[in-house]
């Protein structure tokens, strides 16, 4: 059956990297949830993320996970709550939405188990139901969360403060109707102060 194909191989010299050293072994924070519920929530929330980073934030608590994202440039934000079974400490961790969506699309199980040690170490995404003779493990590095921005979610209807002529105009967006008034959002004001 392989008579039409030709396989060419090249022997690579050197030591094979010890990939087991990057897989976290002690993961006290674990949660189990429906794969499709997480996948669909990520797809909906990721639309509102910053296109450059595609960062989504997970807020983990006892019986739920809150998936949220925001794009400060366009003043958009989204948040969804998914029920889950969580064992561990309350924590916040960020992941790149596109990578997580790819992983979840390729896991055959209806439920997934995500194991975490802390917000700076890789997370393990595992199927709960394993197929026969298959041992699947996926690893995803987290993204750094900027707590000032991540905790103060920007809402599209965020209140603005009007700045008068003579204020530092270079830092702020111009108002839509009057050129002599400039607006500053609450999050911009907090970052400046």
C-alpha atoms as a PDB file:
ATOM      1  CA  UNK A   1       0.000   0.000   0.000  1.00  0.00           C
ATOM      2  CA  UNK A   2       3.010   2.314   0.415  1.00  0.00           C
ATOM      3  CA  UNK A   3       4.577   1.577  -2.997  1.00  0.00           C
ATOM      4  CA  UNK A   4       3.663   5.040  -4.293  1.00  0.00           C
ATOM      5  CA  UNK A   5       5.443   6.844  -1.455  1.00  0.00           C
ATOM      6  CA  UNK A   6       9.101   7.407  -0.737  1.00  0.00           C
ATOM      7  CA  UNK A   7      10.270   8.256   2.774  1.00  0.00           C
ATOM      8  CA  UNK A   8      13.489  10.164   3.311  1.00  0.00           C
ATOM      9  CA  UNK A   9      14.976  10.433   6.816  1.00  0.00           C
ATOM     10  CA  UNK A  10      17.998  12.150   8.257  1.00  0.00           C
ATOM     11  CA  UNK A  11      19.682  11.127  11.475  1.00  0.00           C
ATOM     12  CA  UNK A  12      20.098  14.093  13.814  1.00  0.00           C
ATOM     13  CA  UNK A  13      23.038  13.859  16.143  1.00  0.00           C
ATOM     14  CA  UNK A  14      22.906  15.096  19.700  1.00  0.00           C
ATOM     15  CA  UNK A  15      20.947  14.479  22.840  1.00  0.00           C
ATOM     16  CA  UNK A  16      17.186  14.463  22.675  1.00  0.00           C
ATOM     17  CA  UNK A  17      15.847  17.239  24.933  1.00  0.00           C
ATOM     18  CA  UNK A  18      14.475  16.204  28.303  1.00  0.00           C
ATOM     19  CA  UNK A  19      10.897  17.332  27.688  1.00  0.00           C
ATOM     20  CA  UNK A  20       9.738  15.805  30.981  1.00  0.00           C
ATOM     21  CA  UNK A  21      11.540  18.584  32.853  1.00  0.00           C
ATOM     22  CA  UNK A  22       9.092  21.223  31.563  1.00  0.00           C
ATOM     23  CA  UNK A  23       5.972  19.259  32.533  1.00  0.00           C
ATOM     24  CA  UNK A  24       4.882  20.376  36.022  1.00  0.00           C
ATOM     25  CA  UNK A  25       4.601  17.383  38.334  1.00  0.00           C
ATOM     26  CA  UNK A  26       2.982  18.929  41.427  1.00  0.00           C
ATOM     27  CA  UNK A  27      -0.326  20.567  40.425  1.00  0.00           C
ATOM     28  CA  UNK A  28      -2.512  21.170  43.495  1.00  0.00           C
ATOM     29  CA  UNK A  29      -5.028  23.343  41.617  1.00  0.00           C
ATOM     30  CA  UNK A  30      -7.281  21.198  39.420  1.00  0.00           C
ATOM     31  CA  UNK A  31     -10.663  21.689  37.853  1.00  0.00           C
ATOM     32  CA  UNK A  32     -12.933  19.535  35.717  1.00  0.00           C
ATOM     33  CA  UNK A  33     -15.487  21.047  33.374  1.00  0.00           C
ATOM     34  CA  UNK A  34     -17.427  20.383  30.204  1.00  0.00           C
ATOM     35  CA  UNK A  35     -15.107  20.761  27.209  1.00  0.00           C
ATOM     36  CA  UNK A  36     -17.752  22.210  24.880  1.00  0.00           C
ATOM     37  CA  UNK A  37     -18.965  24.703  27.504  1.00  0.00           C
ATOM     38  CA  UNK A  38     -15.416  26.024  27.914  1.00  0.00           C
ATOM     39  CA  UNK A  39     -14.734  25.965  24.173  1.00  0.00           C
ATOM     40  CA  UNK A  40     -17.901  27.890  23.302  1.00  0.00           C
ATOM     41  CA  UNK A  41     -17.350  30.408  26.101  1.00  0.00           C
ATOM     42  CA  UNK A  42     -13.786  31.000  24.885  1.00  0.00           C
ATOM     43  CA  UNK A  43     -14.970  31.544  21.318  1.00  0.00           C
ATOM     44  CA  UNK A  44     -17.555  34.097  22.457  1.00  0.00           C
ATOM     45  CA  UNK A  45     -15.257  35.936  24.858  1.00  0.00           C
ATOM     46  CA  UNK A  46     -12.198  35.944  22.577  1.00  0.00           C
ATOM     47  CA  UNK A  47     -14.027  38.186  20.105  1.00  0.00           C
ATOM     48  CA  UNK A  48     -13.612  41.029  22.617  1.00  0.00           C
ATOM     49  CA  UNK A  49      -9.933  40.406  23.399  1.00  0.00           C
ATOM     50  CA  UNK A  50      -7.062  42.508  22.179  1.00  0.00           C
ATOM     51  CA  UNK A  51      -6.161  41.107  18.724  1.00  0.00           C
ATOM     52  CA  UNK A  52      -2.442  41.453  19.407  1.00  0.00           C
ATOM     53  CA  UNK A  53      -2.412  39.345  22.579  1.00  0.00           C
ATOM     54  CA  UNK A  54      -5.665  37.319  22.485  1.00  0.00           C
ATOM     55  CA  UNK A  55      -5.394  37.170  26.291  1.00  0.00           C
ATOM     56  CA  UNK A  56      -8.204  35.596  28.316  1.00  0.00           C
ATOM     57  CA  UNK A  57      -8.233  35.616  32.091  1.00  0.00           C
ATOM     58  CA  UNK A  58      -9.468  32.703  34.195  1.00  0.00           C
ATOM     59  CA  UNK A  59     -10.714  33.518  37.700  1.00  0.00           C
ATOM     60  CA  UNK A  60     -10.864  30.211  39.545  1.00  0.00           C
ATOM     61  CA  UNK A  61     -13.009  29.719  42.627  1.00  0.00           C
ATOM     62  CA  UNK A  62     -14.658  26.815  44.438  1.00  0.00           C
ATOM     63  CA  UNK A  63     -17.516  25.957  42.076  1.00  0.00           C
ATOM     64  CA  UNK A  64     -17.073  28.154  39.005  1.00  0.00           C
ATOM     65  CA  UNK A  65     -14.609  29.618  36.580  1.00  0.00           C
ATOM     66  CA  UNK A  66     -15.025  33.137  35.219  1.00  0.00           C
ATOM     67  CA  UNK A  67     -13.554  33.603  31.749  1.00  0.00           C
ATOM     68  CA  UNK A  68     -13.019  37.271  30.918  1.00  0.00           C
ATOM     69  CA  UNK A  69     -11.170  39.464  28.471  1.00  0.00           C
ATOM     70  CA  UNK A  70     -10.919  43.086  27.470  1.00  0.00           C
ATOM     71  CA  UNK A  71      -9.521  45.386  24.844  1.00  0.00           C
ATOM     72  CA  UNK A  72      -8.667  48.748  26.342  1.00  0.00           C
ATOM     73  CA  UNK A  73      -8.028  50.328  22.940  1.00  0.00           C
ATOM     74  CA  UNK A  74     -11.650  49.812  21.866  1.00  0.00           C
ATOM     75  CA  UNK A  75     -13.198  49.808  25.376  1.00  0.00           C
ATOM     76  CA  UNK A  76     -14.688  46.343  24.969  1.00  0.00           C
ATOM     77  CA  UNK A  77     -14.916  43.607  27.564  1.00  0.00           C
ATOM     78  CA  UNK A  78     -16.630  40.254  27.971  1.00  0.00           C
ATOM     79  CA  UNK A  79     -17.127  37.817  30.819  1.00  0.00           C
ATOM     80  CA  UNK A  80     -18.717  34.384  31.149  1.00  0.00           C
ATOM     81  CA  UNK A  81     -19.199  32.105  34.122  1.00  0.00           C
ATOM     82  CA  UNK A  82     -18.904  28.326  33.730  1.00  0.00           C
ATOM     83  CA  UNK A  83     -19.762  25.873  36.525  1.00  0.00           C
ATOM     84  CA  UNK A  84     -16.965  23.441  37.333  1.00  0.00           C
ATOM     85  CA  UNK A  85     -15.499  21.206  39.997  1.00  0.00           C
ATOM     86  CA  UNK A  86     -12.442  22.998  41.391  1.00  0.00           C
ATOM     87  CA  UNK A  87      -9.960  21.843  43.995  1.00  0.00           C
ATOM     88  CA  UNK A  88      -7.305  24.328  45.007  1.00  0.00           C
ATOM     89  CA  UNK A  89      -6.634  27.934  45.893  1.00  0.00           C
ATOM     90  CA  UNK A  90      -8.505  30.886  44.444  1.00  0.00           C
ATOM     91  CA  UNK A  91      -6.327  32.168  41.617  1.00  0.00           C
ATOM     92  CA  UNK A  92      -6.226  34.206  38.413  1.00  0.00           C
ATOM     93  CA  UNK A  93      -4.335  32.972  35.366  1.00  0.00           C
ATOM     94  CA  UNK A  94      -4.159  34.129  31.760  1.00  0.00           C
ATOM     95  CA  UNK A  95      -3.877  32.137  28.526  1.00  0.00           C
ATOM     96  CA  UNK A  96      -3.777  32.922  24.829  1.00  0.00           C
ATOM     97  CA  UNK A  97      -7.326  32.192  23.645  1.00  0.00           C
ATOM     98  CA  UNK A  98      -6.339  30.956  20.172  1.00  0.00           C
ATOM     99  CA  UNK A  99      -3.998  28.288  21.590  1.00  0.00           C
ATOM    100  CA  UNK A 100      -6.528  27.116  24.158  1.00  0.00           C
ATOM    101  CA  UNK A 101      -9.264  26.889  21.511  1.00  0.00           C
ATOM    102  CA  UNK A 102      -6.968  24.764  19.313  1.00  0.00           C
ATOM    103  CA  UNK A 103      -6.238  22.410  22.194  1.00  0.00           C
ATOM    104  CA  UNK A 104      -9.895  22.012  23.156  1.00  0.00           C
ATOM    105  CA  UNK A 105     -10.894  21.384  19.526  1.00  0.00           C
ATOM    106  CA  UNK A 106      -8.564  18.385  19.421  1.00  0.00           C
ATOM    107  CA  UNK A 107      -9.463  16.675  22.684  1.00  0.00           C
ATOM    108  CA  UNK A 108     -11.939  13.833  22.064  1.00  0.00           C
ATOM    109  CA  UNK A 109     -13.302  13.723  25.635  1.00  0.00           C
ATOM    110  CA  UNK A 110     -16.563  15.410  26.668  1.00  0.00           C
ATOM    111  CA  UNK A 111     -14.958  16.690  29.906  1.00  0.00           C
ATOM    112  CA  UNK A 112     -11.466  18.082  30.451  1.00  0.00           C
ATOM    113  CA  UNK A 113      -9.272  18.333  33.529  1.00  0.00           C
ATOM    114  CA  UNK A 114      -6.983  21.331  33.807  1.00  0.00           C
ATOM    115  CA  UNK A 115      -4.141  21.115  36.323  1.00  0.00           C
ATOM    116  CA  UNK A 116      -2.254  24.203  37.499  1.00  0.00           C
ATOM    117  CA  UNK A 117       0.492  24.815  40.002  1.00  0.00           C
ATOM    118  CA  UNK A 118       0.611  28.632  39.963  1.00  0.00           C
ATOM    119  CA  UNK A 119      -0.091  31.488  37.492  1.00  0.00           C
ATOM    120  CA  UNK A 120       3.494  31.563  36.213  1.00  0.00           C
ATOM    121  CA  UNK A 121       3.898  27.860  35.371  1.00  0.00           C
ATOM    122  CA  UNK A 122       2.517  25.790  32.513  1.00  0.00           C
ATOM    123  CA  UNK A 123      -0.958  24.324  32.751  1.00  0.00           C
ATOM    124  CA  UNK A 124      -1.836  20.756  31.806  1.00  0.00           C
ATOM    125  CA  UNK A 125      -5.009  20.086  29.836  1.00  0.00           C
ATOM    126  CA  UNK A 126      -6.063  16.425  29.956  1.00  0.00           C
ATOM    127  CA  UNK A 127      -9.104  14.480  28.742  1.00  0.00           C
ATOM    128  CA  UNK A 128     -11.158  12.951  31.552  1.00  0.00           C
ATOM    129  CA  UNK A 129     -12.220   9.955  29.449  1.00  0.00           C
ATOM    130  CA  UNK A 130      -9.230   8.342  27.751  1.00  0.00           C
ATOM    131  CA  UNK A 131      -9.476   6.199  24.656  1.00  0.00           C
ATOM    132  CA  UNK A 132      -7.951   2.751  24.731  1.00  0.00           C
ATOM    133  CA  UNK A 133      -4.154   2.703  24.272  1.00  0.00           C
ATOM    134  CA  UNK A 134      -4.009   6.503  24.253  1.00  0.00           C
ATOM    135  CA  UNK A 135      -2.286   8.764  26.746  1.00  0.00           C
ATOM    136  CA  UNK A 136      -2.916  12.402  25.826  1.00  0.00           C
ATOM    137  CA  UNK A 137      -1.307  15.354  27.581  1.00  0.00           C
ATOM    138  CA  UNK A 138      -1.287  18.957  26.378  1.00  0.00           C
ATOM    139  CA  UNK A 139       0.749  21.708  27.941  1.00  0.00           C
ATOM    140  CA  UNK A 140       0.100  25.448  27.640  1.00  0.00           C
ATOM    141  CA  UNK A 141       2.227  28.259  29.026  1.00  0.00           C
ATOM    142  CA  UNK A 142       0.267  31.051  30.703  1.00  0.00           C
ATOM    143  CA  UNK A 143       0.445  34.730  29.799  1.00  0.00           C
ATOM    144  CA  UNK A 144       1.369  37.399  32.303  1.00  0.00           C
ATOM    145  CA  UNK A 145      -1.602  39.296  33.714  1.00  0.00           C
ATOM    146  CA  UNK A 146      -1.290  43.007  34.285  1.00  0.00           C
ATOM    147  CA  UNK A 147      -3.256  43.242  37.548  1.00  0.00           C
ATOM    148  CA  UNK A 148      -4.047  46.940  37.182  1.00  0.00           C
ATOM    149  CA  UNK A 149      -5.700  46.371  33.826  1.00  0.00           C
ATOM    150  CA  UNK A 150      -6.991  42.846  34.415  1.00  0.00           C
ATOM    151  CA  UNK A 151      -8.759  43.615  37.698  1.00  0.00           C
ATOM    152  CA  UNK A 152     -10.334  46.891  36.540  1.00  0.00           C
ATOM    153  CA  UNK A 153     -12.367  45.536  33.652  1.00  0.00           C
ATOM    154  CA  UNK A 154     -13.120  48.209  31.102  1.00  0.00           C
ATOM    155  CA  UNK A 155     -16.794  48.465  30.318  1.00  0.00           C
ATOM    156  CA  UNK A 156     -18.049  49.970  27.051  1.00  0.00           C
ATOM    157  CA  UNK A 157     -20.222  52.432  29.000  1.00  0.00           C
ATOM    158  CA  UNK A 158     -17.358  53.544  31.242  1.00  0.00           C
ATOM    159  CA  UNK A 159     -17.769  57.068  32.686  1.00  0.00           C
ATOM    160  CA  UNK A 160     -15.504  59.743  31.249  1.00  0.00           C
ATOM    161  CA  UNK A 161     -14.090  62.903  32.736  1.00  0.00           C
ATOM    162  CA  UNK A 162     -13.959  65.965  30.531  1.00  0.00           C
ATOM    163  CA  UNK A 163     -10.595  67.697  30.320  1.00  0.00           C
ATOM    164  CA  UNK A 164     -10.534  71.392  29.555  1.00  0.00           C
ATOM    165  CA  UNK A 165      -8.263  73.178  27.049  1.00  0.00           C
ATOM    166  CA  UNK A 166      -4.785  73.519  28.485  1.00  0.00           C
ATOM    167  CA  UNK A 167      -4.752  70.013  29.994  1.00  0.00           C
ATOM    168  CA  UNK A 168      -2.247  67.532  28.586  1.00  0.00           C
ATOM    169  CA  UNK A 169      -4.116  66.608  25.386  1.00  0.00           C
ATOM    170  CA  UNK A 170      -1.521  64.270  23.897  1.00  0.00           C
ATOM    171  CA  UNK A 171      -2.474  61.447  26.263  1.00  0.00           C
ATOM    172  CA  UNK A 172      -6.198  61.372  25.629  1.00  0.00           C
ATOM    173  CA  UNK A 173      -8.714  60.601  22.917  1.00  0.00           C
ATOM    174  CA  UNK A 174     -10.536  63.544  21.422  1.00  0.00           C
ATOM    175  CA  UNK A 175     -14.252  63.897  22.018  1.00  0.00           C
ATOM    176  CA  UNK A 176     -16.560  62.961  19.147  1.00  0.00           C
ATOM    177  CA  UNK A 177     -18.367  66.323  18.918  1.00  0.00           C
ATOM    178  CA  UNK A 178     -16.163  69.151  20.170  1.00  0.00           C
ATOM    179  CA  UNK A 179     -12.492  69.507  19.338  1.00  0.00           C
ATOM    180  CA  UNK A 180     -11.759  71.652  22.414  1.00  0.00           C
ATOM    181  CA  UNK A 181     -12.903  68.967  24.898  1.00  0.00           C
ATOM    182  CA  UNK A 182     -10.881  65.861  25.615  1.00  0.00           C
ATOM    183  CA  UNK A 183     -11.988  62.747  27.418  1.00  0.00           C
ATOM    184  CA  UNK A 184     -10.172  60.511  29.837  1.00  0.00           C
ATOM    185  CA  UNK A 185     -11.531  57.108  30.868  1.00  0.00           C
ATOM    186  CA  UNK A 186     -11.346  55.889  34.464  1.00  0.00           C
ATOM    187  CA  UNK A 187      -8.720  53.240  33.622  1.00  0.00           C
ATOM    188  CA  UNK A 188      -6.544  55.829  31.816  1.00  0.00           C
ATOM    189  CA  UNK A 189      -6.796  58.111  34.838  1.00  0.00           C
ATOM    190  CA  UNK A 190      -5.737  55.292  37.201  1.00  0.00           C
ATOM    191  CA  UNK A 191      -2.746  54.392  35.030  1.00  0.00           C
ATOM    192  CA  UNK A 192      -1.667  58.038  34.828  1.00  0.00           C
ATOM    193  CA  UNK A 193      -1.946  58.555  38.615  1.00  0.00           C
END
